[in-house]
């Protein structure tokens, strides 16, 4: 993780820790987990599609450390 991403992640966690009510803090964590999972899935799909331009799915898979069919599946989240 780059320094900038690490700093932003640390800041986000610190912001959540500032929520005084335990239940509210827990709910904020759960909501953030859902949002990040969805948003990051979309970003991964966009990356896979961008890498696919001029490359086979097998080549994309090799770049991402997965099989070609998995790389194609990842890309489908963007559609």
N, C-alpha and C. Protein backbone atom coordinates (compact mmCIF):
# COMPACT_ATOMS: atom_id res chain seq x y z
N UNK A 1 0.85 -1.17 0.00
CA UNK A 1 0.00 0.00 0.00
C UNK A 1 0.90 1.23 0.00
N UNK A 2 0.54 2.19 -0.83
CA UNK A 2 1.34 3.40 -0.87
C UNK A 2 1.14 4.21 0.41
N UNK A 3 2.07 5.12 0.66
CA UNK A 3 1.97 5.96 1.85
C UNK A 3 0.65 6.73 1.88
N UNK A 4 0.24 7.24 0.71
CA UNK A 4 -0.99 8.01 0.64
C UNK A 4 -2.20 7.14 0.99
N UNK A 5 -2.27 5.94 0.42
CA UNK A 5 -3.39 5.04 0.74
C UNK A 5 -3.36 4.63 2.19
N UNK A 6 -2.18 4.36 2.71
CA UNK A 6 -2.05 3.96 4.11
C UNK A 6 -2.51 5.09 5.02
N UNK A 7 -2.13 6.31 4.69
CA UNK A 7 -2.54 7.46 5.50
C UNK A 7 -4.05 7.66 5.46
N UNK A 8 -4.62 7.49 4.29
CA UNK A 8 -6.07 7.66 4.16
C UNK A 8 -6.83 6.56 4.90
N UNK A 9 -6.32 5.33 4.82
CA UNK A 9 -6.96 4.23 5.54
C UNK A 9 -6.87 4.46 7.05
N UNK A 10 -5.72 4.90 7.51
CA UNK A 10 -5.52 5.19 8.93
C UNK A 10 -6.46 6.30 9.38
N UNK A 11 -6.62 7.31 8.56
CA UNK A 11 -7.52 8.42 8.87
C UNK A 11 -8.97 7.96 8.93
N UNK A 12 -9.36 7.11 8.00
CA UNK A 12 -10.73 6.60 7.97
C UNK A 12 -11.03 5.77 9.22
N UNK A 13 -10.10 4.91 9.59
CA UNK A 13 -10.28 4.10 10.80
C UNK A 13 -10.33 5.00 12.03
N UNK A 14 -9.49 6.01 12.07
CA UNK A 14 -9.50 6.93 13.21
C UNK A 14 -10.83 7.66 13.30
N UNK A 15 -11.38 8.04 12.16
CA UNK A 15 -12.68 8.72 12.14
C UNK A 15 -13.76 7.82 12.71
N UNK A 16 -13.74 6.55 12.32
CA UNK A 16 -14.73 5.61 12.84
C UNK A 16 -14.55 5.42 14.35
N UNK A 17 -13.31 5.35 14.79
CA UNK A 17 -13.04 5.17 16.23
C UNK A 17 -13.52 6.35 17.06
N UNK A 18 -13.70 7.50 16.43
CA UNK A 18 -14.18 8.69 17.15
C UNK A 18 -15.67 8.62 17.47
N UNK A 19 -16.39 7.71 16.83
CA UNK A 19 -17.83 7.57 17.11
C UNK A 19 -17.95 6.98 18.51
N UNK A 20 -18.57 7.71 19.40
CA UNK A 20 -18.59 7.30 20.81
C UNK A 20 -19.56 6.15 21.11
N UNK A 21 -20.68 6.12 20.42
CA UNK A 21 -21.66 5.07 20.67
C UNK A 21 -21.20 3.77 20.02
N UNK A 22 -21.09 2.72 20.84
CA UNK A 22 -20.57 1.44 20.33
C UNK A 22 -21.42 0.86 19.21
N UNK A 23 -22.73 0.93 19.35
CA UNK A 23 -23.61 0.37 18.32
C UNK A 23 -23.51 1.19 17.03
N UNK A 24 -23.50 2.49 17.17
CA UNK A 24 -23.36 3.37 16.00
C UNK A 24 -22.02 3.14 15.30
N UNK A 25 -20.96 2.99 16.10
CA UNK A 25 -19.63 2.73 15.54
C UNK A 25 -19.61 1.40 14.79
N UNK A 26 -20.22 0.38 15.37
CA UNK A 26 -20.29 -0.93 14.72
C UNK A 26 -21.06 -0.84 13.40
N UNK A 27 -22.19 -0.13 13.42
CA UNK A 27 -22.98 0.02 12.20
C UNK A 27 -22.20 0.77 11.13
N UNK A 28 -21.44 1.77 11.53
CA UNK A 28 -20.63 2.52 10.58
C UNK A 28 -19.59 1.61 9.93
N UNK A 29 -18.99 0.72 10.71
CA UNK A 29 -18.01 -0.22 10.17
C UNK A 29 -18.68 -1.15 9.17
N UNK A 30 -19.85 -1.69 9.53
CA UNK A 30 -20.56 -2.59 8.63
C UNK A 30 -20.95 -1.90 7.32
N UNK A 31 -21.44 -0.68 7.41
CA UNK A 31 -21.82 0.08 6.21
C UNK A 31 -20.60 0.36 5.33
N UNK A 32 -19.49 0.69 5.96
CA UNK A 32 -18.26 0.95 5.21
C UNK A 32 -17.76 -0.32 4.53
N UNK A 33 -17.85 -1.44 5.22
CA UNK A 33 -17.44 -2.72 4.62
C UNK A 33 -18.23 -3.01 3.35
N UNK A 34 -19.53 -2.82 3.41
CA UNK A 34 -20.39 -3.09 2.26
C UNK A 34 -20.04 -2.14 1.11
N UNK A 35 -19.89 -0.87 1.43
CA UNK A 35 -19.58 0.11 0.39
C UNK A 35 -18.22 -0.16 -0.24
N UNK A 36 -17.22 -0.41 0.60
CA UNK A 36 -15.88 -0.66 0.06
C UNK A 36 -15.85 -1.92 -0.79
N UNK A 37 -16.52 -2.96 -0.33
CA UNK A 37 -16.55 -4.20 -1.10
C UNK A 37 -17.12 -3.95 -2.49
N UNK A 38 -18.21 -3.23 -2.55
CA UNK A 38 -18.85 -2.93 -3.83
C UNK A 38 -17.97 -2.03 -4.70
N UNK A 39 -17.47 -0.97 -4.11
CA UNK A 39 -16.65 -0.01 -4.86
C UNK A 39 -15.35 -0.64 -5.36
N UNK A 40 -14.72 -1.44 -4.51
CA UNK A 40 -13.46 -2.07 -4.91
C UNK A 40 -13.67 -3.14 -5.97
N UNK A 41 -14.79 -3.83 -5.90
CA UNK A 41 -15.13 -4.82 -6.92
C UNK A 41 -15.25 -4.12 -8.28
N UNK A 42 -15.88 -2.96 -8.28
CA UNK A 42 -16.04 -2.18 -9.51
C UNK A 42 -14.68 -1.72 -10.05
N UNK A 43 -13.81 -1.26 -9.17
CA UNK A 43 -12.48 -0.81 -9.60
C UNK A 43 -11.69 -1.97 -10.19
N UNK A 44 -11.75 -3.13 -9.54
CA UNK A 44 -11.05 -4.30 -10.07
C UNK A 44 -11.58 -4.68 -11.45
N UNK A 45 -12.88 -4.58 -11.64
CA UNK A 45 -13.47 -4.89 -12.94
C UNK A 45 -12.99 -3.92 -14.00
N UNK A 46 -12.93 -2.64 -13.66
CA UNK A 46 -12.45 -1.63 -14.60
C UNK A 46 -11.00 -1.89 -14.98
N UNK A 47 -10.20 -2.30 -14.01
CA UNK A 47 -8.78 -2.60 -14.28
C UNK A 47 -8.67 -3.80 -15.20
N UNK A 48 -9.44 -4.85 -14.92
CA UNK A 48 -9.39 -6.05 -15.76
C UNK A 48 -9.79 -5.71 -17.19
N UNK A 49 -10.83 -4.91 -17.36
CA UNK A 49 -11.25 -4.51 -18.70
C UNK A 49 -10.19 -3.69 -19.41
N UNK A 50 -9.57 -2.79 -18.68
CA UNK A 50 -8.51 -1.97 -19.28
C UNK A 50 -7.33 -2.83 -19.71
N UNK A 51 -6.96 -3.80 -18.89
CA UNK A 51 -5.85 -4.69 -19.23
C UNK A 51 -6.19 -5.59 -20.42
N UNK A 52 -7.46 -5.87 -20.60
CA UNK A 52 -7.90 -6.76 -21.68
C UNK A 52 -7.74 -6.12 -23.06
N UNK A 53 -7.67 -4.81 -23.11
CA UNK A 53 -7.48 -4.13 -24.40
C UNK A 53 -6.13 -4.54 -24.98
N UNK A 54 -6.16 -5.32 -26.06
CA UNK A 54 -4.94 -5.76 -26.71
C UNK A 54 -4.32 -7.01 -26.10
N UNK A 55 -4.99 -7.58 -25.11
CA UNK A 55 -4.48 -8.80 -24.47
C UNK A 55 -5.58 -9.85 -24.40
N UNK A 56 -5.17 -11.10 -24.33
CA UNK A 56 -6.14 -12.18 -24.11
C UNK A 56 -6.48 -12.22 -22.63
N UNK A 57 -7.58 -12.91 -22.31
CA UNK A 57 -7.93 -13.07 -20.90
C UNK A 57 -6.85 -13.86 -20.17
N UNK A 58 -6.23 -14.80 -20.85
CA UNK A 58 -5.14 -15.56 -20.24
C UNK A 58 -4.00 -14.63 -19.83
N UNK A 59 -3.64 -13.70 -20.71
CA UNK A 59 -2.58 -12.74 -20.41
C UNK A 59 -2.98 -11.83 -19.24
N UNK A 60 -4.23 -11.40 -19.25
CA UNK A 60 -4.71 -10.56 -18.15
C UNK A 60 -4.64 -11.34 -16.84
N UNK A 61 -5.06 -12.59 -16.89
CA UNK A 61 -5.00 -13.43 -15.71
C UNK A 61 -3.59 -13.56 -15.16
N UNK A 62 -2.64 -13.73 -16.07
CA UNK A 62 -1.24 -13.84 -15.64
C UNK A 62 -0.78 -12.56 -14.95
N UNK A 63 -1.19 -11.42 -15.48
CA UNK A 63 -0.82 -10.14 -14.87
C UNK A 63 -1.43 -9.98 -13.48
N UNK A 64 -2.65 -10.50 -13.32
CA UNK A 64 -3.36 -10.34 -12.05
C UNK A 64 -3.12 -11.48 -11.08
N UNK A 65 -2.46 -12.54 -11.55
CA UNK A 65 -2.18 -13.68 -10.67
C UNK A 65 -3.38 -14.61 -10.51
N UNK A 66 -4.24 -14.63 -11.52
CA UNK A 66 -5.40 -15.51 -11.53
C UNK A 66 -5.47 -16.19 -12.89
N UNK A 67 -6.44 -17.10 -13.05
CA UNK A 67 -6.61 -17.72 -14.36
C UNK A 67 -7.27 -16.73 -15.32
N UNK A 68 -7.18 -17.04 -16.58
CA UNK A 68 -7.82 -16.20 -17.58
C UNK A 68 -9.32 -16.13 -17.40
N UNK A 69 -9.93 -17.27 -17.07
CA UNK A 69 -11.38 -17.26 -16.88
C UNK A 69 -11.76 -16.44 -15.65
N UNK A 70 -10.93 -16.47 -14.62
CA UNK A 70 -11.21 -15.66 -13.42
C UNK A 70 -11.08 -14.18 -13.75
N UNK A 71 -10.08 -13.82 -14.55
CA UNK A 71 -9.90 -12.42 -14.96
C UNK A 71 -11.14 -11.94 -15.70
N UNK A 72 -11.67 -12.79 -16.58
CA UNK A 72 -12.88 -12.40 -17.31
C UNK A 72 -14.06 -12.25 -16.35
N UNK A 73 -14.18 -13.15 -15.38
CA UNK A 73 -15.26 -13.03 -14.39
C UNK A 73 -15.14 -11.73 -13.61
N UNK A 74 -13.94 -11.38 -13.23
CA UNK A 74 -13.72 -10.12 -12.50
C UNK A 74 -14.20 -8.94 -13.33
N UNK A 75 -13.93 -8.98 -14.62
CA UNK A 75 -14.31 -7.87 -15.49
C UNK A 75 -15.81 -7.69 -15.60
N UNK A 76 -16.56 -8.73 -15.40
CA UNK A 76 -18.02 -8.67 -15.57
C UNK A 76 -18.70 -7.79 -14.52
N UNK A 77 -18.06 -7.52 -13.44
CA UNK A 77 -18.65 -6.67 -12.41
C UNK A 77 -18.83 -5.24 -12.92
N UNK A 78 -18.11 -4.87 -13.98
CA UNK A 78 -18.21 -3.52 -14.52
C UNK A 78 -19.37 -3.37 -15.50
N UNK A 79 -19.97 -4.48 -15.86
CA UNK A 79 -21.03 -4.42 -16.88
C UNK A 79 -22.39 -4.24 -16.27
